[in-house]
Amino acid sequence: MSTYRVAQVRSAGGAFELAERQVPEPGAGQVRIAVEACGICHSDAMFVHAAVPGITFPEVPGHEIAGRVDALGEGTQDWGWQIGDRVAVGWFGGSCGHCTPCRRGDFIVCANLKVPGWAYDGGFAEKMIAPVDALARIPDALAAADAGPMACAGVTTYNGLRHSSAHPGDLVAVLGLGGLGHLGVQYAAAMGFETVAIARGAEKADFAKQLGAHHYVDSTAGTPVAEALQSLGGANVVLATAGNSGAITATVDGLAPRGELVVIGADPEAMGISPLQLIMGARVVRGHPSGTAQDVQDTMEFSALHGIRPMTETVPLDDVDGAFQKMMAGKARFRMVLTNG
């Protein structure tokens, strides 16, 4: 029987190693994917370090997957997929279909959400099995190494903005210029928002403008971030991509009346927001999860239409441990992507 390679860790926090396994056949409602590229997301660290319940070892992470349908399980033909189709799988790796959110059509908050690398082996591999409802079709204009990060980093920022309260012409600020933020600025500008990029250091101003930002706020400068935003009229929306609760908190007083803080950057530390900050300006704070397979497909189509791409560094699967450590050290510019072949 033929074999394929996976990049796995044998214990919590362990180093990656390559292992060979027998190629599995997809079951009913599943497809097998020949993985061409898989982005490395900071959320993968939760699985590698067993920071969430239900992790089993050896662990194969990866939820920014791009590849081709390699085999179809029973019942998947009704979904319109064919062998050879280009597909992406992201944080949304399938839903149960029977919990209350699923029965209401809100699949991304499924009580039994199947995240690749958590519910089943992820995309740090040459092949993988995924539920058919997790598949998003990749546009021809997108290379696999660009499509993979769109399935998590891309859809999270794009969806967070398009489901916000902002309208074209509104002042929208993106906090952070990392793996999420550098995409968020591009999407905000393409959606017609007056876009503000917020990051650390004056030297990032030119980069922010290259991404499409109309304004840049250096969070290390003498002027507080909230004051800088108010000098521009107040932000209708702040998309907080930086995983830093202190930095997120610093933007709240920069919101316009009835402004909205959309949090997508994860940090276990509490945010220091007082009720009065929200009540007096009728402000809203909400968290935003990723997006369904259809949302991923929408993100990729919008990106192809507007020429939006992630900035990536591609490395072969063999170099997975070095790539993962570079991401963890905050040295990725801006998405590390594993490739096969």
C-alpha atoms as a PDB file:
ATOM      1  CA  MET A   1       0.000   0.000   0.000  1.00  0.00           C
ATOM      2  CA  SER A   2       1.289   3.509  -0.821  1.00  0.00           C
ATOM      3  CA  THR A   3       2.479   5.857   1.905  1.00  0.00           C
ATOM      4  CA  TYR A   4       2.592   9.590   2.552  1.00  0.00           C
ATOM      5  CA  ARG A   5       4.480  11.837   4.950  1.00  0.00           C
ATOM      6  CA  VAL A   6       3.204  13.889   7.882  1.00  0.00           C
ATOM      7  CA  ALA A   7       4.947  16.386  10.136  1.00  0.00           C
ATOM      8  CA  GLN A   8       4.011  15.462  13.697  1.00  0.00           C
ATOM      9  CA  VAL A   9       4.915  16.094  17.315  1.00  0.00           C
ATOM     10  CA  ARG A  10       4.924  13.097  19.654  1.00  0.00           C
ATOM     11  CA  SER A  11       4.335  14.971  22.904  1.00  0.00           C
ATOM     12  CA  ALA A  12       3.160  18.383  24.064  1.00  0.00           C
ATOM     13  CA  GLY A  13       5.655  21.038  23.064  1.00  0.00           C
ATOM     14  CA  GLY A  14       7.888  18.542  21.271  1.00  0.00           C
ATOM     15  CA  ALA A  15       9.890  19.120  18.103  1.00  0.00           C
ATOM     16  CA  PHE A  16       8.410  18.214  14.750  1.00  0.00           C
ATOM     17  CA  GLU A  17       9.449  15.013  13.033  1.00  0.00           C
ATOM     18  CA  LEU A  18       8.534  13.534   9.669  1.00  0.00           C
ATOM     19  CA  ALA A  19       6.764  10.174   9.677  1.00  0.00           C
ATOM     20  CA  GLU A  20       5.383   7.898   6.994  1.00  0.00           C
ATOM     21  CA  ARG A  21       1.872   6.522   7.143  1.00  0.00           C
ATOM     22  CA  GLN A  22      -0.284   4.405   4.901  1.00  0.00           C
ATOM     23  CA  VAL A  23      -2.543   6.422   2.639  1.00  0.00           C
ATOM     24  CA  PRO A  24      -6.093   6.260   4.076  1.00  0.00           C
ATOM     25  CA  GLU A  25      -9.324   5.977   2.137  1.00  0.00           C
ATOM     26  CA  PRO A  26     -11.979   8.623   2.768  1.00  0.00           C
ATOM     27  CA  GLY A  27     -15.129   7.481   4.531  1.00  0.00           C
ATOM     28  CA  ALA A  28     -18.696   8.512   3.814  1.00  0.00           C
ATOM     29  CA  GLY A  29     -18.974  12.293   3.615  1.00  0.00           C
ATOM     30  CA  GLN A  30     -15.197  12.716   3.422  1.00  0.00           C
ATOM     31  CA  VAL A  31     -12.623  13.533   0.759  1.00  0.00           C
ATOM     32  CA  ARG A  32      -8.898  12.918   0.591  1.00  0.00           C
ATOM     33  CA  ILE A  33      -6.801  15.950  -0.294  1.00  0.00           C
ATOM     34  CA  ALA A  34      -3.336  15.996  -1.822  1.00  0.00           C
ATOM     35  CA  VAL A  35      -1.903  18.934   0.117  1.00  0.00           C
ATOM     36  CA  GLU A  36       0.082  21.427  -1.941  1.00  0.00           C
ATOM     37  CA  ALA A  37       0.536  24.138   0.689  1.00  0.00           C
ATOM     38  CA  CYS A  38      -0.352  24.776   4.330  1.00  0.00           C
ATOM     39  CA  GLY A  39       0.134  27.994   6.242  1.00  0.00           C
ATOM     40  CA  ILE A  40       1.466  27.989   9.785  1.00  0.00           C
ATOM     41  CA  CYS A  41      -0.883  29.891  12.098  1.00  0.00           C
ATOM     42  CA  HIS A  42      -0.116  30.970  15.663  1.00  0.00           C
ATOM     43  CA  SER A  43      -3.222  29.023  16.706  1.00  0.00           C
ATOM     44  CA  ASP A  44      -1.393  25.823  15.731  1.00  0.00           C
ATOM     45  CA  ALA A  45       0.660  26.308  18.885  1.00  0.00           C
ATOM     46  CA  MET A  46      -2.438  25.587  20.975  1.00  0.00           C
ATOM     47  CA  PHE A  47      -2.538  22.102  19.504  1.00  0.00           C
ATOM     48  CA  VAL A  48       1.213  21.475  19.537  1.00  0.00           C
ATOM     49  CA  HIS A  49       1.315  22.427  23.246  1.00  0.00           C
ATOM     50  CA  ALA A  50      -1.988  20.693  24.104  1.00  0.00           C
ATOM     51  CA  ALA A  51      -3.385  23.988  25.385  1.00  0.00           C
ATOM     52  CA  VAL A  52      -6.931  22.937  24.479  1.00  0.00           C
ATOM     53  CA  PRO A  53      -8.763  19.771  25.549  1.00  0.00           C
ATOM     54  CA  GLY A  54      -8.996  16.696  23.362  1.00  0.00           C
ATOM     55  CA  ILE A  55      -5.522  16.744  21.782  1.00  0.00           C
ATOM     56  CA  THR A  56      -4.074  13.307  21.100  1.00  0.00           C
ATOM     57  CA  PHE A  57      -0.503  12.491  20.146  1.00  0.00           C
ATOM     58  CA  PRO A  58       1.166  12.146  17.773  1.00  0.00           C
ATOM     59  CA  GLU A  59      -0.325  15.487  16.687  1.00  0.00           C
ATOM     60  CA  VAL A  60      -0.455  16.741  13.080  1.00  0.00           C
ATOM     61  CA  PRO A  61      -1.518  20.424  13.035  1.00  0.00           C
ATOM     62  CA  GLY A  62      -2.348  22.718  10.123  1.00  0.00           C
ATOM     63  CA  HIS A  63      -5.579  24.548   9.253  1.00  0.00           C
ATOM     64  CA  GLU A  64      -4.555  26.789   6.334  1.00  0.00           C
ATOM     65  CA  ILE A  65      -4.694  24.068   3.713  1.00  0.00           C
ATOM     66  CA  ALA A  66      -4.657  24.261  -0.080  1.00  0.00           C
ATOM     67  CA  GLY A  67      -4.525  21.269  -2.394  1.00  0.00           C
ATOM     68  CA  ARG A  68      -6.471  19.083  -4.777  1.00  0.00           C
ATOM     69  CA  VAL A  69      -9.181  16.491  -4.266  1.00  0.00           C
ATOM     70  CA  ASP A  70      -7.412  13.146  -4.417  1.00  0.00           C
ATOM     71  CA  ALA A  71     -10.250  10.714  -3.626  1.00  0.00           C
ATOM     72  CA  LEU A  72     -13.988  10.964  -2.923  1.00  0.00           C
ATOM     73  CA  GLY A  73     -15.844   9.147  -0.193  1.00  0.00           C
ATOM     74  CA  GLU A  74     -19.389   7.866  -0.449  1.00  0.00           C
ATOM     75  CA  GLY A  75     -21.985  10.608  -0.872  1.00  0.00           C
ATOM     76  CA  THR A  76     -19.576  13.426  -1.699  1.00  0.00           C
ATOM     77  CA  GLN A  77     -20.393  13.423  -5.425  1.00  0.00           C
ATOM     78  CA  ASP A  78     -23.696  15.111  -4.572  1.00  0.00           C
ATOM     79  CA  TRP A  79     -21.697  18.136  -3.400  1.00  0.00           C
ATOM     80  CA  GLY A  80     -20.349  18.681  -6.916  1.00  0.00           C
ATOM     81  CA  TRP A  81     -16.699  17.888  -6.238  1.00  0.00           C
ATOM     82  CA  GLN A  82     -14.503  15.973  -8.635  1.00  0.00           C
ATOM     83  CA  ILE A  83     -11.043  14.468  -8.362  1.00  0.00           C
ATOM     84  CA  GLY A  84      -8.494  17.133  -9.235  1.00  0.00           C
ATOM     85  CA  ASP A  85     -10.566  20.079  -7.998  1.00  0.00           C
ATOM     86  CA  ARG A  86      -8.539  22.745  -6.195  1.00  0.00           C
ATOM     87  CA  VAL A  87      -9.770  23.159  -2.631  1.00  0.00           C
ATOM     88  CA  ALA A  88      -8.931  24.965   0.590  1.00  0.00           C
ATOM     89  CA  VAL A  89      -9.746  23.979   4.179  1.00  0.00           C
ATOM     90  CA  GLY A  90      -9.394  26.413   7.070  1.00  0.00           C
ATOM     91  CA  TRP A  91     -10.203  26.737  10.764  1.00  0.00           C
ATOM     92  CA  PHE A  92     -13.708  25.688   9.806  1.00  0.00           C
ATOM     93  CA  GLY A  93     -13.049  22.028   9.167  1.00  0.00           C
ATOM     94  CA  GLY A  94     -16.647  20.814   9.230  1.00  0.00           C
ATOM     95  CA  SER A  95     -19.698  21.056  11.468  1.00  0.00           C
ATOM     96  CA  CYS A  96     -21.923  18.526  13.195  1.00  0.00           C
ATOM     97  CA  GLY A  97     -25.144  19.696  11.523  1.00  0.00           C
ATOM     98  CA  HIS A  98     -27.345  18.889  14.520  1.00  0.00           C
ATOM     99  CA  CYS A  99     -26.463  21.300  17.364  1.00  0.00           C
ATOM    100  CA  THR A 100     -28.606  24.397  17.898  1.00  0.00           C
ATOM    101  CA  PRO A 101     -26.257  26.822  16.055  1.00  0.00           C
ATOM    102  CA  CYS A 102     -26.054  24.424  13.090  1.00  0.00           C
ATOM    103  CA  ARG A 103     -29.845  24.040  13.013  1.00  0.00           C
ATOM    104  CA  ARG A 104     -29.982  27.829  12.800  1.00  0.00           C
ATOM    105  CA  GLY A 105     -27.439  27.878   9.971  1.00  0.00           C
ATOM    106  CA  ASP A 106     -24.687  29.457  12.095  1.00  0.00           C
ATOM    107  CA  PHE A 107     -22.118  26.776  11.353  1.00  0.00           C
ATOM    108  CA  ILE A 108     -18.973  28.653  12.408  1.00  0.00           C
ATOM    109  CA  VAL A 109     -20.092  28.535  16.063  1.00  0.00           C
ATOM    110  CA  CYS A 110     -21.036  24.858  15.857  1.00  0.00           C
ATOM    111  CA  ALA A 111     -20.857  23.310  19.323  1.00  0.00           C
ATOM    112  CA  ASN A 112     -18.843  20.453  17.814  1.00  0.00           C
ATOM    113  CA  LEU A 113     -16.747  22.412  15.312  1.00  0.00           C
ATOM    114  CA  LYS A 114     -14.143  20.212  13.591  1.00  0.00           C
ATOM    115  CA  VAL A 115     -10.909  22.173  13.454  1.00  0.00           C
ATOM    116  CA  PRO A 116      -8.125  20.497  11.421  1.00  0.00           C
ATOM    117  CA  GLY A 117      -5.262  19.563  13.703  1.00  0.00           C
ATOM    118  CA  TRP A 118      -7.698  19.269  16.615  1.00  0.00           C
ATOM    119  CA  ALA A 119     -10.616  17.126  15.498  1.00  0.00           C
ATOM    120  CA  TYR A 120      -8.527  15.275  12.906  1.00  0.00           C
ATOM    121  CA  ASP A 121      -5.045  15.348  11.368  1.00  0.00           C
ATOM    122  CA  GLY A 122      -4.294  18.702   9.765  1.00  0.00           C
ATOM    123  CA  GLY A 123      -2.413  19.902   6.719  1.00  0.00           C
ATOM    124  CA  PHE A 124       1.207  19.583   7.854  1.00  0.00           C
ATOM    125  CA  ALA A 125       1.288  16.557   5.568  1.00  0.00           C
ATOM    126  CA  GLU A 126       1.305  15.405   1.978  1.00  0.00           C
ATOM    127  CA  LYS A 127      -2.273  14.120   2.224  1.00  0.00           C
ATOM    128  CA  MET A 128      -5.190  14.487   4.602  1.00  0.00           C
ATOM    129  CA  ILE A 129      -8.827  13.487   5.051  1.00  0.00           C
ATOM    130  CA  ALA A 130     -11.454  16.214   5.526  1.00  0.00           C
ATOM    131  CA  PRO A 131     -15.262  16.390   5.742  1.00  0.00           C
ATOM    132  CA  VAL A 132     -16.817  17.484   2.471  1.00  0.00           C
ATOM    133  CA  ASP A 133     -18.587  20.458   4.058  1.00  0.00           C
ATOM    134  CA  ALA A 134     -15.181  21.967   4.898  1.00  0.00           C
ATOM    135  CA  LEU A 135     -14.143  22.448   1.265  1.00  0.00           C
ATOM    136  CA  ALA A 136     -13.853  25.841  -0.419  1.00  0.00           C
ATOM    137  CA  ARG A 137     -13.102  26.132  -4.133  1.00  0.00           C
ATOM    138  CA  ILE A 138      -9.850  27.940  -4.974  1.00  0.00           C
ATOM    139  CA  PRO A 139     -10.057  30.455  -7.852  1.00  0.00           C
ATOM    140  CA  ASP A 140      -7.683  29.834 -10.747  1.00  0.00           C
ATOM    141  CA  ALA A 141      -5.966  33.174 -10.098  1.00  0.00           C
ATOM    142  CA  LEU A 142      -4.725  32.124  -6.652  1.00  0.00           C
ATOM    143  CA  ALA A 143      -1.604  30.019  -6.159  1.00  0.00           C
ATOM    144  CA  ALA A 144      -1.823  27.321  -3.496  1.00  0.00           C
ATOM    145  CA  ALA A 145       0.676  29.136  -1.234  1.00  0.00           C
ATOM    146  CA  ASP A 146      -1.581  32.218  -1.318  1.00  0.00           C
ATOM    147  CA  ALA A 147      -4.851  30.308  -0.941  1.00  0.00           C
ATOM    148  CA  GLY A 148      -3.795  28.406   2.191  1.00  0.00           C
ATOM    149  CA  PRO A 149      -3.454  31.467   4.470  1.00  0.00           C
ATOM    150  CA  MET A 150      -6.726  32.831   3.058  1.00  0.00           C
ATOM    151  CA  ALA A 151      -8.534  29.907   4.744  1.00  0.00           C
ATOM    152  CA  CYS A 152      -7.791  31.294   8.221  1.00  0.00           C
ATOM    153  CA  ALA A 153      -5.932  34.616   8.347  1.00  0.00           C
ATOM    154  CA  GLY A 154      -7.687  35.866   5.226  1.00  0.00           C
ATOM    155  CA  VAL A 155     -11.242  34.852   6.027  1.00  0.00           C
ATOM    156  CA  THR A 156     -10.993  36.039   9.634  1.00  0.00           C
ATOM    157  CA  THR A 157     -10.010  39.585   8.650  1.00  0.00           C
ATOM    158  CA  TYR A 158     -12.243  39.792   5.555  1.00  0.00           C
ATOM    159  CA  ASN A 159     -15.271  38.412   7.364  1.00  0.00           C
ATOM    160  CA  GLY A 160     -14.621  40.538  10.428  1.00  0.00           C
ATOM    161  CA  LEU A 161     -14.748  43.666   8.277  1.00  0.00           C
ATOM    162  CA  ARG A 162     -17.652  42.759   6.035  1.00  0.00           C
ATOM    163  CA  HIS A 163     -19.823  41.807   9.012  1.00  0.00           C
ATOM    164  CA  SER A 164     -18.902  44.966  10.924  1.00  0.00           C
ATOM    165  CA  SER A 165     -21.065  48.061  11.137  1.00  0.00           C
ATOM    166  CA  ALA A 166     -18.783  50.059   8.806  1.00  0.00           C
ATOM    167  CA  HIS A 167     -19.947  51.467   5.480  1.00  0.00           C
ATOM    168  CA  PRO A 168     -17.793  52.638   2.546  1.00  0.00           C
ATOM    169  CA  GLY A 169     -16.204  55.962   3.445  1.00  0.00           C
ATOM    170  CA  ASP A 170     -16.223  55.244   7.196  1.00  0.00           C
ATOM    171  CA  LEU A 171     -13.014  55.492   9.199  1.00  0.00           C
ATOM    172  CA  VAL A 172     -11.810  51.962   9.930  1.00  0.00           C
ATOM    173  CA  ALA A 173      -8.650  51.220  11.901  1.00  0.00           C
ATOM    174  CA  VAL A 174      -6.685  47.970  11.777  1.00  0.00           C
ATOM    175  CA  LEU A 175      -4.611  47.290  14.875  1.00  0.00           C
ATOM    176  CA  GLY A 176      -1.491  45.308  14.015  1.00  0.00           C
ATOM    177  CA  LEU A 177       0.450  44.728  10.798  1.00  0.00           C
ATOM    178  CA  GLY A 178       1.318  41.061  11.241  1.00  0.00           C
ATOM    179  CA  GLY A 179      -0.047  37.908   9.647  1.00  0.00           C
ATOM    180  CA  LEU A 180      -3.653  39.062  10.100  1.00  0.00           C
ATOM    181  CA  GLY A 181      -3.227  42.825  10.012  1.00  0.00           C
ATOM    182  CA  HIS A 182      -1.332  43.084   6.728  1.00  0.00           C
ATOM    183  CA  LEU A 183      -4.332  41.407   5.096  1.00  0.00           C
ATOM    184  CA  GLY A 184      -6.841  43.435   7.117  1.00  0.00           C
ATOM    185  CA  VAL A 185      -5.424  46.727   5.818  1.00  0.00           C
ATOM    186  CA  GLN A 186      -5.646  45.501   2.224  1.00  0.00           C
ATOM    187  CA  TYR A 187      -9.250  44.368   2.669  1.00  0.00           C
ATOM    188  CA  ALA A 188     -10.295  47.564   4.438  1.00  0.00           C
ATOM    189  CA  ALA A 189      -8.909  49.732   1.646  1.00  0.00           C
ATOM    190  CA  ALA A 190     -10.486  47.533  -1.056  1.00  0.00           C
ATOM    191  CA  MET A 191     -13.868  47.737   0.687  1.00  0.00           C
ATOM    192  CA  GLY A 192     -13.809  51.506   0.402  1.00  0.00           C
ATOM    193  CA  PHE A 193     -13.073  52.386   4.026  1.00  0.00           C
ATOM    194  CA  GLU A 194     -10.884  55.309   5.028  1.00  0.00           C
ATOM    195  CA  THR A 195      -8.219  53.022   6.427  1.00  0.00           C
ATOM    196  CA  VAL A 196      -5.967  53.593   9.426  1.00  0.00           C
ATOM    197  CA  ALA A 197      -3.132  51.192  10.217  1.00  0.00           C
ATOM    198  CA  ILE A 198      -1.916  51.054  13.828  1.00  0.00           C
ATOM    199  CA  ALA A 199       1.406  49.426  14.661  1.00  0.00           C
ATOM    200  CA  ARG A 200       4.592  49.882  16.660  1.00  0.00           C
ATOM    201  CA  GLY A 201       7.314  52.097  15.192  1.00  0.00           C
ATOM    202  CA  ALA A 202       7.462  55.019  12.773  1.00  0.00           C
ATOM    203  CA  GLU A 203       9.398  52.885  10.285  1.00  0.00           C
ATOM    204  CA  LYS A 204       6.236  50.907   9.422  1.00  0.00           C
ATOM    205  CA  ALA A 205       4.420  53.939   8.014  1.00  0.00           C
ATOM    206  CA  ASP A 206       5.608  53.419   4.447  1.00  0.00           C
ATOM    207  CA  PHE A 207       4.710  49.735   4.547  1.00  0.00           C
ATOM    208  CA  ALA A 208       1.220  50.575   5.800  1.00  0.00           C
ATOM    209  CA  LYS A 209       0.746  53.022   2.921  1.00  0.00           C
ATOM    210  CA  GLN A 210       1.942  50.375   0.450  1.00  0.00           C
ATOM    211  CA  LEU A 211      -0.802  48.073   1.754  1.00  0.00           C
ATOM    212  CA  GLY A 212      -3.377  50.784   1.073  1.00  0.00           C
ATOM    213  CA  ALA A 213      -3.693  52.613   4.410  1.00  0.00           C
ATOM    214  CA  HIS A 214      -4.657  56.274   4.207  1.00  0.00           C
ATOM    215  CA  HIS A 215      -3.297  57.022   7.684  1.00  0.00           C
ATOM    216  CA  TYR A 216      -0.718  55.492   9.997  1.00  0.00           C
ATOM    217  CA  VAL A 217      -0.653  55.654  13.802  1.00  0.00           C
ATOM    218  CA  ASP A 218       2.562  54.740  15.620  1.00  0.00           C
ATOM    219  CA  SER A 219       1.446  53.264  18.939  1.00  0.00           C
ATOM    220  CA  THR A 220       4.875  54.007  20.462  1.00  0.00           C
ATOM    221  CA  ALA A 221       4.713  57.735  19.709  1.00  0.00           C
ATOM    222  CA  GLY A 222       3.921  60.383  22.321  1.00  0.00           C
ATOM    223  CA  THR A 223       0.310  60.756  21.206  1.00  0.00           C
ATOM    224  CA  PRO A 224      -1.940  58.004  22.647  1.00  0.00           C
ATOM    225  CA  VAL A 225      -3.619  55.792  20.046  1.00  0.00           C
ATOM    226  CA  ALA A 226      -7.122  56.823  21.114  1.00  0.00           C
ATOM    227  CA  GLU A 227      -6.236  60.501  20.809  1.00  0.00           C
ATOM    228  CA  ALA A 228      -4.729  59.924  17.356  1.00  0.00           C
ATOM    229  CA  LEU A 229      -7.923  58.188  16.199  1.00  0.00           C
ATOM    230  CA  GLN A 230     -10.110  60.966  17.598  1.00  0.00           C
ATOM    231  CA  SER A 231      -8.013  63.550  15.744  1.00  0.00           C
ATOM    232  CA  LEU A 232      -9.118  61.780  12.551  1.00  0.00           C
ATOM    233  CA  GLY A 233     -12.760  61.979  13.613  1.00  0.00           C
ATOM    234  CA  GLY A 234     -13.018  58.746  15.614  1.00  0.00           C
ATOM    235  CA  ALA A 235     -13.036  55.221  14.235  1.00  0.00           C
ATOM    236  CA  ASN A 236     -16.352  53.728  13.227  1.00  0.00           C
ATOM    237  CA  VAL A 237     -14.689  50.308  13.524  1.00  0.00           C
ATOM    238  CA  VAL A 238     -11.424  49.064  14.977  1.00  0.00           C
ATOM    239  CA  LEU A 239     -10.388  45.612  13.754  1.00  0.00           C
ATOM    240  CA  ALA A 240      -8.036  44.367  16.472  1.00  0.00           C
ATOM    241  CA  THR A 241      -5.726  41.793  14.884  1.00  0.00           C
ATOM    242  CA  ALA A 242      -2.890  42.103  17.408  1.00  0.00           C
ATOM    243  CA  GLY A 243      -3.016  39.485  20.162  1.00  0.00           C
ATOM    244  CA  ASN A 244      -2.280  42.031  22.867  1.00  0.00           C
ATOM    245  CA  SER A 245      -5.030  42.979  25.303  1.00  0.00           C
ATOM    246  CA  GLY A 246      -3.277  46.180  26.360  1.00  0.00           C
ATOM    247  CA  ALA A 247      -2.955  47.386  22.787  1.00  0.00           C
ATOM    248  CA  ILE A 248      -6.599  46.502  22.097  1.00  0.00           C
ATOM    249  CA  THR A 249      -7.764  48.347  25.200  1.00  0.00           C
ATOM    250  CA  ALA A 250      -5.860  51.474  24.097  1.00  0.00           C
ATOM    251  CA  THR A 251      -8.073  51.820  21.016  1.00  0.00           C
ATOM    252  CA  VAL A 252     -11.457  51.895  22.779  1.00  0.00           C
ATOM    253  CA  ASP A 253     -11.554  55.630  23.502  1.00  0.00           C
ATOM    254  CA  GLY A 254     -10.628  56.204  19.860  1.00  0.00           C
ATOM    255  CA  LEU A 255     -13.990  54.848  18.722  1.00  0.00           C
ATOM    256  CA  ALA A 256     -16.619  57.253  17.430  1.00  0.00           C
ATOM    257  CA  PRO A 257     -20.065  57.276  19.063  1.00  0.00           C
ATOM    258  CA  ARG A 258     -21.665  53.896  18.370  1.00  0.00           C
ATOM    259  CA  GLY A 259     -18.280  52.702  17.155  1.00  0.00           C
ATOM    260  CA  GLU A 260     -17.454  49.000  17.151  1.00  0.00           C
ATOM    261  CA  LEU A 261     -14.393  47.129  18.364  1.00  0.00           C
ATOM    262  CA  VAL A 262     -14.054  43.821  16.506  1.00  0.00           C
ATOM    263  CA  VAL A 263     -11.583  41.521  18.270  1.00  0.00           C
ATOM    264  CA  ILE A 264      -9.875  38.761  16.297  1.00  0.00           C
ATOM    265  CA  GLY A 265      -6.415  38.797  17.926  1.00  0.00           C
ATOM    266  CA  ALA A 266      -6.306  36.191  20.703  1.00  0.00           C
ATOM    267  CA  ASP A 267      -4.798  36.939  24.105  1.00  0.00           C
ATOM    268  CA  PRO A 268      -5.678  35.099  27.355  1.00  0.00           C
ATOM    269  CA  GLU A 269      -5.188  38.307  29.354  1.00  0.00           C
ATOM    270  CA  ALA A 270      -8.283  40.366  30.206  1.00  0.00           C
ATOM    271  CA  MET A 271      -8.933  43.672  28.448  1.00  0.00           C
ATOM    272  CA  GLY A 272      -9.141  46.713  30.720  1.00  0.00           C
ATOM    273  CA  ILE A 273     -12.379  48.239  29.465  1.00  0.00           C
ATOM    274  CA  SER A 274     -14.753  49.981  31.856  1.00  0.00           C
ATOM    275  CA  PRO A 275     -18.547  49.998  31.446  1.00  0.00           C
ATOM    276  CA  LEU A 276     -18.485  53.812  31.242  1.00  0.00           C
ATOM    277  CA  GLN A 277     -16.236  53.685  28.173  1.00  0.00           C
ATOM    278  CA  LEU A 278     -18.944  51.699  26.422  1.00  0.00           C
ATOM    279  CA  ILE A 279     -22.068  53.314  27.848  1.00  0.00           C
ATOM    280  CA  MET A 280     -21.263  56.986  27.289  1.00  0.00           C
ATOM    281  CA  GLY A 281     -20.474  56.495  23.600  1.00  0.00           C
ATOM    282  CA  ALA A 282     -22.903  53.592  23.006  1.00  0.00           C
ATOM    283  CA  ARG A 283     -19.903  51.570  21.840  1.00  0.00           C
ATOM    284  CA  VAL A 284     -19.890  47.874  20.994  1.00  0.00           C
ATOM    285  CA  VAL A 285     -17.226  45.244  21.618  1.00  0.00           C
ATOM    286  CA  ARG A 286     -17.510  41.827  19.989  1.00  0.00           C
ATOM    287  CA  GLY A 287     -15.358  38.860  19.191  1.00  0.00           C
ATOM    288  CA  HIS A 288     -15.290  37.463  15.685  1.00  0.00           C
ATOM    289  CA  PRO A 289     -14.480  33.843  14.782  1.00  0.00           C
ATOM    290  CA  SER A 290     -13.170  32.728  11.418  1.00  0.00           C
ATOM    291  CA  GLY A 291     -15.713  31.759   8.747  1.00  0.00           C
ATOM    292  CA  THR A 292     -17.366  28.823   7.026  1.00  0.00           C
ATOM    293  CA  ALA A 293     -16.180  27.157   3.843  1.00  0.00           C
ATOM    294  CA  GLN A 294     -18.408  29.509   1.831  1.00  0.00           C
ATOM    295  CA  ASP A 295     -16.872  32.474   3.657  1.00  0.00           C
ATOM    296  CA  VAL A 296     -13.400  31.174   2.748  1.00  0.00           C
ATOM    297  CA  GLN A 297     -14.472  30.901  -0.877  1.00  0.00           C
ATOM    298  CA  ASP A 298     -15.881  34.443  -0.787  1.00  0.00           C
ATOM    299  CA  THR A 299     -12.594  35.672   0.696  1.00  0.00           C
ATOM    300  CA  MET A 300     -10.525  34.044  -2.024  1.00  0.00           C
ATOM    301  CA  GLU A 301     -12.763  35.359  -4.797  1.00  0.00           C
ATOM    302  CA  PHE A 302     -12.634  38.902  -3.381  1.00  0.00           C
ATOM    303  CA  SER A 303      -8.845  38.626  -3.052  1.00  0.00           C
ATOM    304  CA  ALA A 304      -8.468  37.425  -6.637  1.00  0.00           C
ATOM    305  CA  LEU A 305     -10.685  40.255  -7.885  1.00  0.00           C
ATOM    306  CA  HIS A 306      -8.770  42.983  -6.037  1.00  0.00           C
ATOM    307  CA  GLY A 307      -5.249  41.586  -6.334  1.00  0.00           C
ATOM    308  CA  ILE A 308      -4.937  40.982  -2.588  1.00  0.00           C
ATOM    309  CA  ARG A 309      -2.352  38.422  -1.539  1.00  0.00           C
ATOM    310  CA  PRO A 310      -0.720  37.411   1.741  1.00  0.00           C
ATOM    311  CA  MET A 311       2.983  38.057   2.111  1.00  0.00           C
ATOM    312  CA  THR A 312       4.465  34.603   2.559  1.00  0.00           C
ATOM    313  CA  GLU A 313       7.700  32.715   3.019  1.00  0.00           C
ATOM    314  CA  THR A 314       7.441  29.223   1.577  1.00  0.00           C
ATOM    315  CA  VAL A 315       9.496  26.329   2.918  1.00  0.00           C
ATOM    316  CA  PRO A 316       9.363  22.591   2.142  1.00  0.00           C
ATOM    317  CA  LEU A 317       7.613  20.238   4.554  1.00  0.00           C
ATOM    318  CA  ASP A 318      11.040  18.901   5.540  1.00  0.00           C
ATOM    319  CA  ASP A 319      11.850  22.238   7.199  1.00  0.00           C
ATOM    320  CA  VAL A 320       8.673  22.374   9.287  1.00  0.00           C
ATOM    321  CA  ASP A 321      10.326  22.665  12.702  1.00  0.00           C
ATOM    322  CA  GLY A 322      12.443  25.660  11.743  1.00  0.00           C
ATOM    323  CA  ALA A 323       9.470  27.338  10.084  1.00  0.00           C
ATOM    324  CA  PHE A 324       7.268  26.766  13.133  1.00  0.00           C
ATOM    325  CA  GLN A 325       9.892  28.177  15.491  1.00  0.00           C
ATOM    326  CA  LYS A 326      10.348  31.233  13.253  1.00  0.00           C
ATOM    327  CA  MET A 327       6.617  31.874  13.470  1.00  0.00           C
ATOM    328  CA  MET A 328       6.645  31.445  17.249  1.00  0.00           C
ATOM    329  CA  ALA A 329       9.548  33.902  17.553  1.00  0.00           C
ATOM    330  CA  GLY A 330       7.517  36.540  15.685  1.00  0.00           C
ATOM    331  CA  LYS A 331      10.034  36.645  12.824  1.00  0.00           C
ATOM    332  CA  ALA A 332       7.718  35.497  10.028  1.00  0.00           C
ATOM    333  CA  ARG A 333       7.043  38.141   7.355  1.00  0.00           C
ATOM    334  CA  PHE A 334       4.187  37.517   7.415  1.00  0.00           C
ATOM    335  CA  ARG A 335       3.001  33.964   6.906  1.00  0.00           C
ATOM    336  CA  MET A 336       5.146  30.850   6.883  1.00  0.00           C
ATOM    337  CA  VAL A 337       3.769  28.339   4.376  1.00  0.00           C
ATOM    338  CA  LEU A 338       4.770  24.686   4.053  1.00  0.00           C
ATOM    339  CA  THR A 339       4.817  23.303   0.527  1.00  0.00           C
ATOM    340  CA  ASN A 340       4.904  19.863  -1.061  1.00  0.00           C
ATOM    341  CA  GLY A 341       6.547  19.164  -4.384  1.00  0.00           C
END
